Amino acid sequence: MASTIFTVGDFVRRVVDSLLGGDYRGQVLCSRCLVKVTKHHLDKSYTTREVVQAMDEIFKAPLPVSTCSVCARKKIPCLGAPVV
């Protein structure tokens, strides 16, 4: 029986999806803030460097420019989930 091997990026994406669909629904967050919040929700075994590298992959795609809801930095790429 084959087992699935999950990467750090897989876990980071799951946490980001959960955050943007839950606690931060309707808000947009920049990469720096998402790293901090995501790191807080992951097991302590994940290093900040690993989370940053995974977040860099997430932010590779073209993203809308906005103001971060957490740090208020303006005109930077942000991720967010619309309120439905």
PDB file of N, CA and C in Angstrom:
ATOM      1  N   MET A   1       0.834  -1.173   0.000  1.00  0.00           N
ATOM      2  CA  MET A   1       0.000   0.000   0.000  1.00  0.00           C
ATOM      3  C   MET A   1       0.888   1.248   0.000  1.00  0.00           C
ATOM      4  N   ALA A   2       0.665   2.145  -0.931  1.00  0.00           N
ATOM      5  CA  ALA A   2       1.461   3.356  -1.052  1.00  0.00           C
ATOM      6  C   ALA A   2       0.964   4.418  -0.073  1.00  0.00           C
ATOM      7  N   SER A   3       1.898   5.119   0.532  1.00  0.00           N
ATOM      8  CA  SER A   3       1.511   6.193   1.439  1.00  0.00           C
ATOM      9  C   SER A   3       1.840   7.533   0.791  1.00  0.00           C
ATOM     10  N   THR A   4       1.075   8.529   1.159  1.00  0.00           N
ATOM     11  CA  THR A   4       1.271   9.867   0.620  1.00  0.00           C
ATOM     12  C   THR A   4       2.285  10.606   1.476  1.00  0.00           C
ATOM     13  N   ILE A   5       3.217  11.266   0.827  1.00  0.00           N
ATOM     14  CA  ILE A   5       4.201  12.074   1.544  1.00  0.00           C
ATOM     15  C   ILE A   5       3.842  13.541   1.320  1.00  0.00           C
ATOM     16  N   PHE A   6       3.588  14.232   2.415  1.00  0.00           N
ATOM     17  CA  PHE A   6       3.233  15.644   2.346  1.00  0.00           C
ATOM     18  C   PHE A   6       4.473  16.506   2.538  1.00  0.00           C
ATOM     19  N   THR A   7       4.530  17.610   1.806  1.00  0.00           N
ATOM     20  CA  THR A   7       5.647  18.544   1.931  1.00  0.00           C
ATOM     21  C   THR A   7       5.277  19.656   2.909  1.00  0.00           C
ATOM     22  N   VAL A   8       6.268  20.440   3.285  1.00  0.00           N
ATOM     23  CA  VAL A   8       6.010  21.613   4.125  1.00  0.00           C
ATOM     24  C   VAL A   8       5.031  22.526   3.411  1.00  0.00           C
ATOM     25  N   GLY A   9       5.222  22.680   2.099  1.00  0.00           N
ATOM     26  CA  GLY A   9       4.317  23.523   1.314  1.00  0.00           C
ATOM     27  C   GLY A   9       2.870  23.059   1.382  1.00  0.00           C
ATOM     28  N   ASP A  10       2.655  21.749   1.411  1.00  0.00           N
ATOM     29  CA  ASP A  10       1.294  21.212   1.522  1.00  0.00           C
ATOM     30  C   ASP A  10       0.651  21.655   2.838  1.00  0.00           C
ATOM     31  N   PHE A  11       1.411  21.548   3.920  1.00  0.00           N
ATOM     32  CA  PHE A  11       0.874  21.937   5.225  1.00  0.00           C
ATOM     33  C   PHE A  11       0.664  23.448   5.316  1.00  0.00           C
ATOM     34  N   VAL A  12       1.583  24.218   4.754  1.00  0.00           N
ATOM     35  CA  VAL A  12       1.441  25.675   4.768  1.00  0.00           C
ATOM     36  C   VAL A  12       0.201  26.080   3.989  1.00  0.00           C
ATOM     37  N   ARG A  13      -0.005  25.493   2.819  1.00  0.00           N
ATOM     38  CA  ARG A  13      -1.205  25.816   2.022  1.00  0.00           C
ATOM     39  C   ARG A  13      -2.490  25.487   2.776  1.00  0.00           C
ATOM     40  N   ARG A  14      -2.505  24.368   3.471  1.00  0.00           N
ATOM     41  CA  ARG A  14      -3.698  23.979   4.235  1.00  0.00           C
ATOM     42  C   ARG A  14      -3.988  24.997   5.330  1.00  0.00           C
ATOM     43  N   VAL A  15      -2.947  25.449   6.017  1.00  0.00           N
ATOM     44  CA  VAL A  15      -3.134  26.436   7.081  1.00  0.00           C
ATOM     45  C   VAL A  15      -3.596  27.766   6.496  1.00  0.00           C
ATOM     46  N   VAL A  16      -2.972  28.207   5.397  1.00  0.00           N
ATOM     47  CA  VAL A  16      -3.361  29.465   4.755  1.00  0.00           C
ATOM     48  C   VAL A  16      -4.820  29.400   4.306  1.00  0.00           C
ATOM     49  N   ASP A  17      -5.210  28.311   3.661  1.00  0.00           N
ATOM     50  CA  ASP A  17      -6.609  28.146   3.242  1.00  0.00           C
ATOM     51  C   ASP A  17      -7.551  28.228   4.441  1.00  0.00           C
ATOM     52  N   SER A  18      -7.174  27.568   5.513  1.00  0.00           N
ATOM     53  CA  SER A  18      -8.000  27.566   6.721  1.00  0.00           C
ATOM     54  C   SER A  18      -8.113  28.973   7.322  1.00  0.00           C
ATOM     55  N   LEU A  19      -7.012  29.684   7.376  1.00  0.00           N
ATOM     56  CA  LEU A  19      -7.018  31.037   7.942  1.00  0.00           C
ATOM     57  C   LEU A  19      -7.850  31.995   7.107  1.00  0.00           C
ATOM     58  N   LEU A  20      -7.661  31.942   5.777  1.00  0.00           N
ATOM     59  CA  LEU A  20      -8.388  32.867   4.902  1.00  0.00           C
ATOM     60  C   LEU A  20      -9.865  32.518   4.793  1.00  0.00           C
ATOM     61  N   GLY A  21     -10.214  31.305   5.124  1.00  0.00           N
ATOM     62  CA  GLY A  21     -11.614  30.902   5.120  1.00  0.00           C
ATOM     63  C   GLY A  21     -12.245  30.972   6.506  1.00  0.00           C
ATOM     64  N   GLY A  22     -11.440  31.285   7.504  1.00  0.00           N
ATOM     65  CA  GLY A  22     -11.935  31.311   8.883  1.00  0.00           C
ATOM     66  C   GLY A  22     -11.655  32.631   9.569  1.00  0.00           C
ATOM     67  N   ASP A  23     -10.636  32.649  10.420  1.00  0.00           N
ATOM     68  CA  ASP A  23     -10.324  33.828  11.239  1.00  0.00           C
ATOM     69  C   ASP A  23     -10.101  35.100  10.434  1.00  0.00           C
ATOM     70  N   TYR A  24      -9.559  34.975   9.233  1.00  0.00           N
ATOM     71  CA  TYR A  24      -9.238  36.145   8.416  1.00  0.00           C
ATOM     72  C   TYR A  24     -10.126  36.257   7.178  1.00  0.00           C
ATOM     73  N   ARG A  25     -11.304  35.664   7.237  1.00  0.00           N
ATOM     74  CA  ARG A  25     -12.238  35.727   6.104  1.00  0.00           C
ATOM     75  C   ARG A  25     -12.608  37.177   5.814  1.00  0.00           C
ATOM     76  N   GLY A  26     -12.550  37.532   4.539  1.00  0.00           N
ATOM     77  CA  GLY A  26     -12.905  38.886   4.118  1.00  0.00           C
ATOM     78  C   GLY A  26     -11.763  39.871   4.263  1.00  0.00           C
ATOM     79  N   GLN A  27     -10.610  39.424   4.746  1.00  0.00           N
ATOM     80  CA  GLN A  27      -9.450  40.287   4.895  1.00  0.00           C
ATOM     81  C   GLN A  27      -8.380  39.850   3.900  1.00  0.00           C
ATOM     82  N   VAL A  28      -7.462  40.739   3.615  1.00  0.00           N
ATOM     83  CA  VAL A  28      -6.334  40.402   2.755  1.00  0.00           C
ATOM     84  C   VAL A  28      -5.064  40.539   3.577  1.00  0.00           C
ATOM     85  N   LEU A  29      -4.136  39.615   3.355  1.00  0.00           N
ATOM     86  CA  LEU A  29      -2.891  39.610   4.113  1.00  0.00           C
ATOM     87  C   LEU A  29      -1.702  39.517   3.172  1.00  0.00           C
ATOM     88  N   CYS A  30      -0.651  40.243   3.508  1.00  0.00           N
ATOM     89  CA  CYS A  30       0.584  40.189   2.728  1.00  0.00           C
ATOM     90  C   CYS A  30       1.371  38.941   3.129  1.00  0.00           C
ATOM     91  N   SER A  31       2.388  38.645   2.367  1.00  0.00           N
ATOM     92  CA  SER A  31       3.207  37.462   2.608  1.00  0.00           C
ATOM     93  C   SER A  31       3.833  37.483   4.000  1.00  0.00           C
ATOM     94  N   ARG A  32       4.369  38.619   4.405  1.00  0.00           N
ATOM     95  CA  ARG A  32       5.031  38.728   5.709  1.00  0.00           C
ATOM     96  C   ARG A  32       4.068  38.412   6.850  1.00  0.00           C
ATOM     97  N   CYS A  33       2.869  38.949   6.795  1.00  0.00           N
ATOM     98  CA  CYS A  33       1.879  38.688   7.845  1.00  0.00           C
ATOM     99  C   CYS A  33       1.389  37.240   7.793  1.00  0.00           C
ATOM    100  N   LEU A  34       1.198  36.719   6.583  1.00  0.00           N
ATOM    101  CA  LEU A  34       0.773  35.326   6.460  1.00  0.00           C
ATOM    102  C   LEU A  34       1.824  34.363   7.006  1.00  0.00           C
ATOM    103  N   VAL A  35       3.100  34.685   6.831  1.00  0.00           N
ATOM    104  CA  VAL A  35       4.158  33.838   7.392  1.00  0.00           C
ATOM    105  C   VAL A  35       4.032  33.809   8.909  1.00  0.00           C
ATOM    106  N   LYS A  36       3.877  34.973   9.530  1.00  0.00           N
ATOM    107  CA  LYS A  36       3.772  35.043  10.991  1.00  0.00           C
ATOM    108  C   LYS A  36       2.565  34.266  11.506  1.00  0.00           C
ATOM    109  N   VAL A  37       1.415  34.509  10.902  1.00  0.00           N
ATOM    110  CA  VAL A  37       0.181  33.863  11.361  1.00  0.00           C
ATOM    111  C   VAL A  37       0.234  32.356  11.097  1.00  0.00           C
ATOM    112  N   THR A  38       0.727  31.972   9.935  1.00  0.00           N
ATOM    113  CA  THR A  38       0.818  30.557   9.587  1.00  0.00           C
ATOM    114  C   THR A  38       1.782  29.839  10.513  1.00  0.00           C
ATOM    115  N   LYS A  39       2.927  30.425  10.772  1.00  0.00           N
ATOM    116  CA  LYS A  39       3.923  29.819  11.667  1.00  0.00           C
ATOM    117  C   LYS A  39       3.318  29.573  13.042  1.00  0.00           C
ATOM    118  N   HIS A  40       2.490  30.491  13.496  1.00  0.00           N
ATOM    119  CA  HIS A  40       1.832  30.349  14.799  1.00  0.00           C
ATOM    120  C   HIS A  40       0.892  29.137  14.828  1.00  0.00           C
ATOM    121  N   HIS A  41       0.313  28.790  13.684  1.00  0.00           N
ATOM    122  CA  HIS A  41      -0.648  27.694  13.611  1.00  0.00           C
ATOM    123  C   HIS A  41      -0.026  26.348  13.236  1.00  0.00           C
ATOM    124  N   LEU A  42       1.264  26.329  12.974  1.00  0.00           N
ATOM    125  CA  LEU A  42       1.954  25.090  12.633  1.00  0.00           C
ATOM    126  C   LEU A  42       2.688  24.535  13.846  1.00  0.00           C
ATOM    127  N   ASP A  43       3.030  23.278  13.758  1.00  0.00           N
ATOM    128  CA  ASP A  43       3.857  22.629  14.768  1.00  0.00           C
ATOM    129  C   ASP A  43       5.201  23.360  14.872  1.00  0.00           C
ATOM    130  N   LYS A  44       5.775  23.378  16.050  1.00  0.00           N
ATOM    131  CA  LYS A  44       7.046  24.077  16.292  1.00  0.00           C
ATOM    132  C   LYS A  44       8.216  23.501  15.489  1.00  0.00           C
ATOM    133  N   SER A  45       8.061  22.321  14.924  1.00  0.00           N
ATOM    134  CA  SER A  45       9.147  21.707  14.166  1.00  0.00           C
ATOM    135  C   SER A  45       9.383  22.399  12.821  1.00  0.00           C
ATOM    136  N   TYR A  46       8.426  23.189  12.344  1.00  0.00           N
ATOM    137  CA  TYR A  46       8.594  23.899  11.081  1.00  0.00           C
ATOM    138  C   TYR A  46       9.392  25.171  11.320  1.00  0.00           C
ATOM    139  N   THR A  47      10.456  25.358  10.548  1.00  0.00           N
ATOM    140  CA  THR A  47      11.267  26.561  10.708  1.00  0.00           C
ATOM    141  C   THR A  47      10.636  27.720   9.942  1.00  0.00           C
ATOM    142  N   THR A  48      10.988  28.915  10.366  1.00  0.00           N
ATOM    143  CA  THR A  48      10.492  30.104   9.660  1.00  0.00           C
ATOM    144  C   THR A  48      10.964  30.076   8.214  1.00  0.00           C
ATOM    145  N   ARG A  49      12.186  29.632   7.997  1.00  0.00           N
ATOM    146  CA  ARG A  49      12.725  29.556   6.633  1.00  0.00           C
ATOM    147  C   ARG A  49      11.871  28.644   5.753  1.00  0.00           C
ATOM    148  N   GLU A  50      11.461  27.496   6.281  1.00  0.00           N
ATOM    149  CA  GLU A  50      10.614  26.576   5.510  1.00  0.00           C
ATOM    150  C   GLU A  50       9.270  27.218   5.173  1.00  0.00           C
ATOM    151  N   VAL A  51       8.699  27.923   6.133  1.00  0.00           N
ATOM    152  CA  VAL A  51       7.404  28.573   5.915  1.00  0.00           C
ATOM    153  C   VAL A  51       7.559  29.694   4.887  1.00  0.00           C
ATOM    154  N   VAL A  52       8.639  30.466   4.981  1.00  0.00           N
ATOM    155  CA  VAL A  52       8.886  31.547   4.025  1.00  0.00           C
ATOM    156  C   VAL A  52       9.038  30.981   2.614  1.00  0.00           C
ATOM    157  N   GLN A  53       9.784  29.897   2.473  1.00  0.00           N
ATOM    158  CA  GLN A  53       9.973  29.285   1.155  1.00  0.00           C
ATOM    159  C   GLN A  53       8.643  28.804   0.580  1.00  0.00           C
ATOM    160  N   ALA A  54       7.811  28.191   1.399  1.00  0.00           N
ATOM    161  CA  ALA A  54       6.497  27.739   0.934  1.00  0.00           C
ATOM    162  C   ALA A  54       5.625  28.932   0.560  1.00  0.00           C
ATOM    163  N   MET A  55       5.688  29.995   1.352  1.00  0.00           N
ATOM    164  CA  MET A  55       4.886  31.187   1.071  1.00  0.00           C
ATOM    165  C   MET A  55       5.358  31.847  -0.225  1.00  0.00           C
ATOM    166  N   ASP A  56       6.662  31.828  -0.485  1.00  0.00           N
ATOM    167  CA  ASP A  56       7.184  32.369  -1.749  1.00  0.00           C
ATOM    168  C   ASP A  56       6.575  31.641  -2.937  1.00  0.00           C
ATOM    169  N   GLU A  57       6.402  30.334  -2.812  1.00  0.00           N
ATOM    170  CA  GLU A  57       5.768  29.550  -3.887  1.00  0.00           C
ATOM    171  C   GLU A  57       4.314  29.974  -4.072  1.00  0.00           C
ATOM    172  N   ILE A  58       3.616  30.193  -2.975  1.00  0.00           N
ATOM    173  CA  ILE A  58       2.208  30.603  -3.039  1.00  0.00           C
ATOM    174  C   ILE A  58       2.101  31.969  -3.705  1.00  0.00           C
ATOM    175  N   PHE A  59       3.023  32.870  -3.397  1.00  0.00           N
ATOM    176  CA  PHE A  59       2.975  34.235  -3.904  1.00  0.00           C
ATOM    177  C   PHE A  59       3.609  34.400  -5.280  1.00  0.00           C
ATOM    178  N   LYS A  60       4.047  33.310  -5.916  1.00  0.00           N
ATOM    179  CA  LYS A  60       4.625  33.388  -7.264  1.00  0.00           C
ATOM    180  C   LYS A  60       3.595  33.795  -8.305  1.00  0.00           C
ATOM    181  N   ALA A  61       2.378  33.338  -8.129  1.00  0.00           N
ATOM    182  CA  ALA A  61       1.319  33.662  -9.088  1.00  0.00           C
ATOM    183  C   ALA A  61       0.997  35.154  -9.001  1.00  0.00           C
ATOM    184  N   PRO A  62       0.545  35.746 -10.097  1.00  0.00           N
ATOM    185  CA  PRO A  62       0.153  37.160 -10.032  1.00  0.00           C
ATOM    186  C   PRO A  62      -0.992  37.350  -9.028  1.00  0.00           C
ATOM    187  N   LEU A  63      -0.815  38.293  -8.136  1.00  0.00           N
ATOM    188  CA  LEU A  63      -1.812  38.554  -7.104  1.00  0.00           C
ATOM    189  C   LEU A  63      -2.256  39.996  -7.156  1.00  0.00           C
ATOM    190  N   PRO A  64      -3.477  40.252  -6.731  1.00  0.00           N
ATOM    191  CA  PRO A  64      -3.931  41.644  -6.695  1.00  0.00           C
ATOM    192  C   PRO A  64      -3.143  42.439  -5.653  1.00  0.00           C
ATOM    193  N   VAL A  65      -2.946  43.708  -5.943  1.00  0.00           N
ATOM    194  CA  VAL A  65      -2.257  44.598  -5.023  1.00  0.00           C
ATOM    195  C   VAL A  65      -3.302  45.227  -4.116  1.00  0.00           C
ATOM    196  N   SER A  66      -3.003  45.264  -2.830  1.00  0.00           N
ATOM    197  CA  SER A  66      -3.974  45.772  -1.870  1.00  0.00           C
ATOM    198  C   SER A  66      -3.247  46.288  -0.639  1.00  0.00           C
ATOM    199  N   THR A  67      -4.009  46.625   0.384  1.00  0.00           N
ATOM    200  CA  THR A  67      -3.474  47.012   1.686  1.00  0.00           C
ATOM    201  C   THR A  67      -3.688  45.845   2.631  1.00  0.00           C
ATOM    202  N   CYS A  68      -2.637  45.426   3.307  1.00  0.00           N
ATOM    203  CA  CYS A  68      -2.722  44.296   4.237  1.00  0.00           C
ATOM    204  C   CYS A  68      -3.610  44.661   5.421  1.00  0.00           C
ATOM    205  N   SER A  69      -4.520  43.784   5.781  1.00  0.00           N
ATOM    206  CA  SER A  69      -5.436  44.014   6.892  1.00  0.00           C
ATOM    207  C   SER A  69      -4.746  43.948   8.250  1.00  0.00           C
ATOM    208  N   VAL A  70      -3.577  43.322   8.312  1.00  0.00           N
ATOM    209  CA  VAL A  70      -2.882  43.171   9.589  1.00  0.00           C
ATOM    210  C   VAL A  70      -1.857  44.277   9.813  1.00  0.00           C
ATOM    211  N   CYS A  71      -0.930  44.456   8.869  1.00  0.00           N
ATOM    212  CA  CYS A  71       0.151  45.433   9.072  1.00  0.00           C
ATOM    213  C   CYS A  71      -0.118  46.776   8.393  1.00  0.00           C
ATOM    214  N   ALA A  72      -1.123  46.838   7.555  1.00  0.00           N
ATOM    215  CA  ALA A  72      -1.543  48.053   6.850  1.00  0.00           C
ATOM    216  C   ALA A  72      -0.539  48.544   5.809  1.00  0.00           C
ATOM    217  N   ARG A  73       0.418  47.669   5.416  1.00  0.00           N
ATOM    218  CA  ARG A  73       1.295  48.062   4.307  1.00  0.00           C
ATOM    219  C   ARG A  73       0.441  48.179   3.058  1.00  0.00           C
ATOM    220  N   LYS A  74       0.680  49.206   2.264  1.00  0.00           N
ATOM    221  CA  LYS A  74      -0.164  49.490   1.110  1.00  0.00           C
ATOM    222  C   LYS A  74       0.484  49.080  -0.194  1.00  0.00           C
ATOM    223  N   LYS A  75      -0.374  48.795  -1.159  1.00  0.00           N
ATOM    224  CA  LYS A  75       0.025  48.500  -2.529  1.00  0.00           C
ATOM    225  C   LYS A  75       1.050  47.382  -2.621  1.00  0.00           C
ATOM    226  N   ILE A  76       0.759  46.267  -1.955  1.00  0.00           N
ATOM    227  CA  ILE A  76       1.604  45.090  -2.028  1.00  0.00           C
ATOM    228  C   ILE A  76       0.726  43.901  -2.380  1.00  0.00           C
ATOM    229  N   PRO A  77       1.307  42.856  -2.982  1.00  0.00           N
ATOM    230  CA  PRO A  77       0.510  41.659  -3.288  1.00  0.00           C
ATOM    231  C   PRO A  77      -0.028  41.045  -2.001  1.00  0.00           C
ATOM    232  N   CYS A  78      -1.299  40.704  -2.011  1.00  0.00           N
ATOM    233  CA  CYS A  78      -1.961  40.132  -0.843  1.00  0.00           C
ATOM    234  C   CYS A  78      -2.861  38.984  -1.260  1.00  0.00           C
ATOM    235  N   LEU A  79      -3.111  38.099  -0.315  1.00  0.00           N
ATOM    236  CA  LEU A  79      -4.068  37.009  -0.504  1.00  0.00           C
ATOM    237  C   LEU A  79      -5.261  37.257   0.388  1.00  0.00           C
ATOM    238  N   GLY A  80      -6.417  36.840  -0.055  1.00  0.00           N
ATOM    239  CA  GLY A  80      -7.618  36.957   0.760  1.00  0.00           C
ATOM    240  C   GLY A  80      -8.744  36.155   0.168  1.00  0.00           C
ATOM    241  N   ALA A  81      -9.711  35.853   1.014  1.00  0.00           N
ATOM    242  CA  ALA A  81     -10.891  35.127   0.571  1.00  0.00           C
ATOM    243  C   ALA A  81     -12.098  36.040   0.714  1.00  0.00           C
ATOM    244  N   PRO A  82     -12.891  36.158  -0.328  1.00  0.00           N
ATOM    245  CA  PRO A  82     -14.073  37.037  -0.224  1.00  0.00           C
ATOM    246  C   PRO A  82     -15.110  36.469   0.748  1.00  0.00           C
ATOM    247  N   VAL A  83     -15.848  37.356   1.335  1.00  0.00           N
ATOM    248  CA  VAL A  83     -16.950  36.940   2.202  1.00  0.00           C
ATOM    249  C   VAL A  83     -18.104  36.548   1.308  1.00  0.00           C
ATOM    250  N   VAL A  84     -18.617  35.340   1.509  1.00  0.00           N
ATOM    251  CA  VAL A  84     -19.703  34.835   0.656  1.00  0.00           C
ATOM    252  C   VAL A  84     -21.009  34.924   1.400  1.00  0.00           C
TER     253      VAL A  84
END
